Amino acid sequence: MRQVNSVSWGSRVLNLGSRLLIAGVLSFLPLRATAAELAEIEARGHLTIAVKDNLRPLGFEDAQGNLKGFEIDLARRLAQEIVGDPNAVRLQPVMNRDRLDVVLIGEVDLTIAHVSQTSARSRLVTFSPHYYLNRIALVTKDPNLNVLSEVKQGKIAVLNQSSAIAEVRFRLPQAQLIGVNSYQEALSLLEAGEAVAFAGDETVLAGWIQDYPQYNLLSERMGGEALAVVMPKGLQYSPLHQLVNETIRQLKQSGWLQQKAEEWGLSYQ
């Protein structure tokens, strides 16, 4: 009985400490009254959307410094639907760690930046229906490898602590997994012949084979994480939620999302 009380008291202390930590972090965030509601966005005549600028083919800078990519096309299409002009959007490059924060503090209206929808994130922000199902793919330099069964006993590089590890172990239990800390380290292993394939996000690997055409993606995919538009949470944002959600649904039904994904070298499901 004493041990149970001790655990319960420890849990209370831990919960209190977590609340204080969150409050402390939020106190250092830049202050803005609230994120913009739909009426304010329409009145100002443009959207501000956080995007990636270093993640081909989702969002990246071309040789002229212009932002391009699947998510950039989606951002412009949302601007067309919300304010009537695909060019009436300010694209703000964002680091991964700031993708939710910039919406929370009202620095941007939306984030479209390779954000997977999770239950933990859904407590902080509102997500649209997913616009892309990001699955795990395998890339290889061996032209004789085309399907998973052909690498079932080979050495496969995986990012340490990534979701790919569980998926590869389930689908290829006899494969030997080699942990790496970056995509560049995985590339080095493949180039040295120390691994026959690398398992990672399909969206990232699609950009990889565009930069390194001597590589190819195996035809099969594993798992899947829903990429969705990040919106501010709250009833006052319901008109914005409804418009964004309906636009995503229409873009799915019309085939626009599939067409754009395939234009950027992504498979679509």
Protein backbone atom coordinates (compact mmCIF):
# COMPACT_ATOMS: atom_id res chain seq x y z
CA MET A 1 0.00 0.00 0.00
CA ARG A 2 2.84 2.40 0.78
CA GLN A 3 4.35 1.80 -2.65
CA VAL A 4 1.07 2.64 -4.39
CA ASN A 5 0.79 5.90 -2.43
CA SER A 6 4.35 6.74 -3.36
CA VAL A 7 3.65 6.20 -7.06
CA SER A 8 0.45 8.25 -6.86
CA TRP A 9 2.26 11.14 -5.15
CA GLY A 10 5.07 10.91 -7.68
CA SER A 11 2.56 11.09 -10.51
CA ARG A 12 1.02 14.24 -9.00
CA VAL A 13 4.44 15.85 -8.74
CA LEU A 14 5.28 14.84 -12.31
CA ASN A 15 1.98 16.21 -13.65
CA LEU A 16 2.48 19.49 -11.78
CA GLY A 17 6.02 19.73 -13.09
CA SER A 18 4.82 19.13 -16.65
CA ARG A 19 2.22 21.90 -16.34
CA LEU A 20 4.79 24.32 -14.99
CA LEU A 21 7.22 23.41 -17.77
CA ILE A 22 4.60 23.97 -20.49
CA ALA A 23 3.57 27.26 -18.91
CA GLY A 24 7.20 28.33 -18.78
CA VAL A 25 7.78 27.47 -22.43
CA LEU A 26 4.63 29.28 -23.55
CA SER A 27 5.62 32.38 -21.58
CA PHE A 28 8.66 32.79 -23.83
CA LEU A 29 6.68 32.56 -27.08
CA PRO A 30 6.07 35.82 -28.95
CA LEU A 31 2.65 37.17 -28.10
CA ARG A 32 -0.16 37.87 -30.52
CA ALA A 33 -3.78 38.35 -29.56
CA THR A 34 -5.09 35.37 -31.57
CA ALA A 35 -4.66 33.65 -34.88
CA ALA A 36 -6.60 35.30 -37.69
CA GLU A 37 -10.18 34.22 -38.28
CA LEU A 38 -11.55 33.69 -41.78
CA ALA A 39 -13.19 37.12 -41.98
CA GLU A 40 -9.89 38.83 -41.15
CA ILE A 41 -8.03 36.76 -43.74
CA GLU A 42 -10.59 37.64 -46.41
CA ALA A 43 -10.46 41.34 -45.46
CA ARG A 44 -6.67 41.52 -45.70
CA GLY A 45 -6.76 39.68 -49.02
CA HIS A 46 -3.98 37.15 -48.56
CA LEU A 47 -3.00 34.00 -46.67
CA THR A 48 0.20 33.39 -44.73
CA ILE A 49 1.24 29.73 -44.79
CA ALA A 50 4.25 28.03 -43.22
CA VAL A 51 5.97 25.64 -45.63
CA LYS A 52 9.21 23.71 -46.07
CA ASP A 53 11.95 25.11 -48.29
CA ASN A 54 14.41 22.21 -48.09
CA LEU A 55 12.28 19.11 -48.63
CA ARG A 56 12.02 18.15 -52.28
CA PRO A 57 9.44 17.40 -53.68
CA LEU A 58 7.08 18.78 -50.99
CA GLY A 59 8.59 22.24 -50.61
CA PHE A 60 11.98 23.44 -51.83
CA GLU A 61 13.77 26.32 -53.53
CA ASP A 62 14.59 25.94 -57.21
CA ALA A 63 17.73 27.29 -58.88
CA GLN A 64 16.16 30.75 -59.08
CA GLY A 65 15.23 30.78 -55.40
CA ASN A 66 11.51 30.23 -56.01
CA LEU A 67 9.53 27.93 -53.74
CA LYS A 68 8.22 24.86 -55.57
CA GLY A 69 6.69 21.52 -54.69
CA PHE A 70 3.55 19.53 -53.99
CA GLU A 71 2.75 21.35 -50.75
CA ILE A 72 3.51 24.71 -52.38
CA ASP A 73 0.96 23.92 -55.10
CA LEU A 74 -1.57 23.03 -52.39
CA ALA A 75 -0.88 26.27 -50.51
CA ARG A 76 -1.56 28.28 -53.67
CA ARG A 77 -4.73 26.31 -54.39
CA LEU A 78 -6.03 27.07 -50.89
CA ALA A 79 -5.28 30.75 -51.50
CA GLN A 80 -7.35 30.51 -54.67
CA GLU A 81 -10.29 29.03 -52.77
CA ILE A 82 -10.08 31.30 -49.70
CA VAL A 83 -9.15 34.72 -51.10
CA GLY A 84 -9.68 34.16 -54.82
CA ASP A 85 -6.06 34.45 -55.99
CA PRO A 86 -3.45 31.64 -56.05
CA ASN A 87 -0.68 34.23 -55.77
CA ALA A 88 -2.22 35.96 -52.74
CA VAL A 89 -0.23 33.86 -50.31
CA ARG A 90 2.88 34.62 -48.28
CA LEU A 91 4.95 31.47 -47.99
CA GLN A 92 7.01 31.39 -44.81
CA PRO A 93 9.74 28.71 -44.58
CA VAL A 94 9.66 26.97 -41.23
CA MET A 95 11.86 24.55 -39.28
CA ASN A 96 10.30 21.27 -38.16
CA ARG A 97 10.32 22.25 -34.50
CA ASP A 98 8.30 25.41 -35.21
CA ARG A 99 5.60 24.01 -37.50
CA LEU A 100 2.87 24.02 -34.84
CA ASP A 101 4.13 27.00 -32.83
CA VAL A 102 3.77 29.46 -35.71
CA VAL A 103 0.07 28.59 -35.91
CA LEU A 104 -0.40 28.63 -32.12
CA ILE A 105 0.96 32.17 -31.79
CA GLY A 106 -0.78 33.47 -34.92
CA GLU A 107 2.39 34.09 -36.90
CA VAL A 108 0.82 32.25 -39.85
CA ASP A 109 -2.72 31.28 -40.76
CA LEU A 110 -1.92 27.67 -41.69
CA THR A 111 0.98 25.25 -41.84
CA ILE A 112 1.46 22.87 -44.78
CA ALA A 113 4.89 21.49 -44.02
CA HIS A 114 5.13 17.69 -43.89
CA VAL A 115 3.14 17.52 -40.63
CA SER A 116 1.76 14.11 -39.64
CA GLN A 117 -1.55 14.09 -37.82
CA THR A 118 -1.24 12.55 -34.34
CA SER A 119 -3.47 12.47 -31.27
CA ALA A 120 -0.91 14.45 -29.25
CA ARG A 121 -0.74 17.22 -31.86
CA SER A 122 -4.52 17.23 -32.20
CA ARG A 123 -4.77 18.45 -28.61
CA LEU A 124 -2.99 21.65 -29.66
CA VAL A 125 -4.20 22.35 -33.20
CA THR A 126 -6.93 21.32 -35.62
CA PHE A 127 -6.08 19.19 -38.64
CA SER A 128 -7.75 19.07 -42.03
CA PRO A 129 -8.55 15.76 -43.72
CA HIS A 130 -5.24 14.36 -44.90
CA TYR A 131 -4.02 15.46 -48.31
CA TYR A 132 -1.37 12.76 -48.59
CA LEU A 133 -0.68 9.39 -46.99
CA ASN A 134 3.06 9.34 -46.39
CA ARG A 135 4.22 5.74 -46.42
CA ILE A 136 7.52 3.97 -45.89
CA ALA A 137 9.44 3.03 -49.02
CA LEU A 138 12.73 1.34 -49.79
CA VAL A 139 15.32 2.86 -52.09
CA THR A 140 18.16 0.91 -53.67
CA LYS A 141 20.93 1.29 -56.22
CA ASP A 142 20.60 -2.34 -57.35
CA PRO A 143 18.56 -2.40 -60.60
CA ASN A 144 17.69 -6.07 -59.98
CA LEU A 145 15.71 -5.27 -56.82
CA ASN A 146 12.09 -4.31 -57.43
CA VAL A 147 9.93 -5.81 -54.64
CA LEU A 148 10.31 -6.36 -50.89
CA SER A 149 10.71 -10.13 -51.14
CA GLU A 150 13.93 -9.66 -53.10
CA VAL A 151 15.64 -7.97 -50.14
CA LYS A 152 14.16 -10.11 -47.37
CA GLN A 153 17.56 -11.30 -46.07
CA GLY A 154 19.62 -8.28 -47.03
CA LYS A 155 21.07 -5.43 -45.02
CA ILE A 156 18.67 -2.49 -44.81
CA ALA A 157 19.60 0.90 -43.42
CA VAL A 158 16.97 2.64 -41.26
CA LEU A 159 16.94 5.90 -39.35
CA ASN A 160 17.45 5.34 -35.63
CA GLN A 161 14.18 5.64 -33.64
CA SER A 162 12.09 5.96 -36.81
CA SER A 163 8.71 4.34 -37.43
CA ALA A 164 10.29 2.48 -40.35
CA ILE A 165 12.04 0.09 -37.95
CA ALA A 166 8.85 -1.62 -36.75
CA GLU A 167 7.38 -1.77 -40.26
CA VAL A 168 10.50 -3.34 -41.79
CA ARG A 169 10.85 -5.84 -38.95
CA PHE A 170 7.21 -6.87 -39.44
CA ARG A 171 7.37 -7.20 -43.23
CA LEU A 172 10.98 -8.44 -43.49
CA PRO A 173 11.75 -10.28 -40.24
CA GLN A 174 14.90 -11.92 -41.65
CA ALA A 175 16.48 -8.68 -42.84
CA GLN A 176 19.46 -7.24 -41.00
CA LEU A 177 18.76 -3.64 -39.98
CA ILE A 178 21.58 -1.10 -39.76
CA GLY A 179 20.80 2.06 -37.78
CA VAL A 180 21.86 5.44 -39.20
CA ASN A 181 21.44 8.97 -37.90
CA SER A 182 20.73 10.77 -41.18
CA TYR A 183 19.76 10.30 -44.79
CA GLN A 184 23.30 11.30 -45.76
CA GLU A 185 24.73 8.50 -43.63
CA ALA A 186 22.32 6.07 -45.31
CA LEU A 187 23.50 7.27 -48.72
CA SER A 188 27.10 6.66 -47.71
CA LEU A 189 26.28 3.08 -46.68
CA LEU A 190 24.53 2.39 -49.96
CA GLU A 191 27.36 3.90 -51.98
CA ALA A 192 29.88 1.75 -50.09
CA GLY A 193 27.82 -1.40 -50.63
CA GLU A 194 27.34 -1.90 -46.89
CA ALA A 195 23.55 -1.96 -47.28
CA VAL A 196 21.36 -3.04 -50.20
CA ALA A 197 18.50 -0.67 -49.42
CA PHE A 198 17.36 2.16 -47.18
CA ALA A 199 13.88 2.43 -45.64
CA GLY A 200 12.50 5.93 -45.10
CA ASP A 201 9.64 8.35 -45.77
CA GLU A 202 8.36 8.04 -49.32
CA THR A 203 8.12 11.84 -49.61
CA VAL A 204 11.81 12.24 -48.78
CA LEU A 205 12.97 9.31 -50.91
CA ALA A 206 11.01 10.61 -53.91
CA GLY A 207 13.20 13.71 -53.73
CA TRP A 208 16.26 11.50 -53.24
CA ILE A 209 15.81 9.67 -56.56
CA GLN A 210 15.21 13.00 -58.32
CA ASP A 211 18.61 14.15 -57.06
CA TYR A 212 20.26 10.72 -57.53
CA PRO A 213 18.65 9.10 -60.60
CA GLN A 214 20.87 6.02 -60.30
CA TYR A 215 18.61 4.97 -57.39
CA ASN A 216 15.09 3.59 -57.62
CA LEU A 217 12.18 2.98 -55.27
CA LEU A 218 10.86 -0.52 -54.75
CA SER A 219 7.25 -0.81 -55.90
CA GLU A 220 5.72 -1.78 -52.53
CA ARG A 221 4.99 0.57 -49.61
CA MET A 222 4.57 0.00 -45.86
CA GLY A 223 2.58 1.72 -43.13
CA GLY A 224 1.37 5.25 -43.58
CA GLU A 225 1.14 8.60 -41.77
CA ALA A 226 -1.50 11.16 -42.70
CA LEU A 227 -0.10 14.55 -43.75
CA ALA A 228 -2.64 17.31 -43.06
CA VAL A 229 -3.04 21.07 -42.99
CA VAL A 230 -2.46 22.58 -39.53
CA MET A 231 -5.09 25.12 -38.41
CA PRO A 232 -5.67 27.03 -35.15
CA LYS A 233 -7.93 25.34 -32.62
CA GLY A 234 -11.16 26.92 -31.38
CA LEU A 235 -14.82 27.44 -32.28
CA GLN A 236 -14.09 30.92 -33.63
CA TYR A 237 -12.09 29.28 -36.41
CA SER A 238 -14.92 26.98 -37.51
CA PRO A 239 -15.57 28.90 -40.77
CA LEU A 240 -11.88 28.55 -41.67
CA HIS A 241 -11.90 24.86 -40.73
CA GLN A 242 -14.99 24.21 -42.83
CA LEU A 243 -13.62 25.98 -45.90
CA VAL A 244 -10.21 24.28 -45.73
CA ASN A 245 -11.75 20.87 -45.02
CA GLU A 246 -14.24 21.13 -47.86
CA THR A 247 -11.50 22.26 -50.24
CA ILE A 248 -9.31 19.26 -49.36
CA ARG A 249 -12.25 16.88 -49.83
CA GLN A 250 -13.07 18.40 -53.23
CA LEU A 251 -9.42 18.23 -54.33
CA LYS A 252 -9.41 14.53 -53.45
CA GLN A 253 -12.68 13.78 -55.23
CA SER A 254 -11.72 15.70 -58.37
CA GLY A 255 -8.37 13.92 -58.65
CA TRP A 256 -6.42 17.18 -58.31
CA LEU A 257 -4.36 15.95 -55.36
CA GLN A 258 -3.46 12.71 -57.11
CA GLN A 259 -2.51 14.55 -60.29
CA LYS A 260 -0.29 17.01 -58.43
CA ALA A 261 1.34 14.28 -56.32
CA GLU A 262 2.21 12.26 -59.42
CA GLU A 263 3.55 15.37 -61.17
CA TRP A 264 6.04 15.65 -58.31
CA GLY A 265 7.05 11.98 -58.49
CA LEU A 266 4.90 10.79 -55.57
CA SER A 267 2.61 7.78 -55.60
CA TYR A 268 -0.90 8.45 -54.35
CA GLN A 269 -3.32 6.28 -52.38
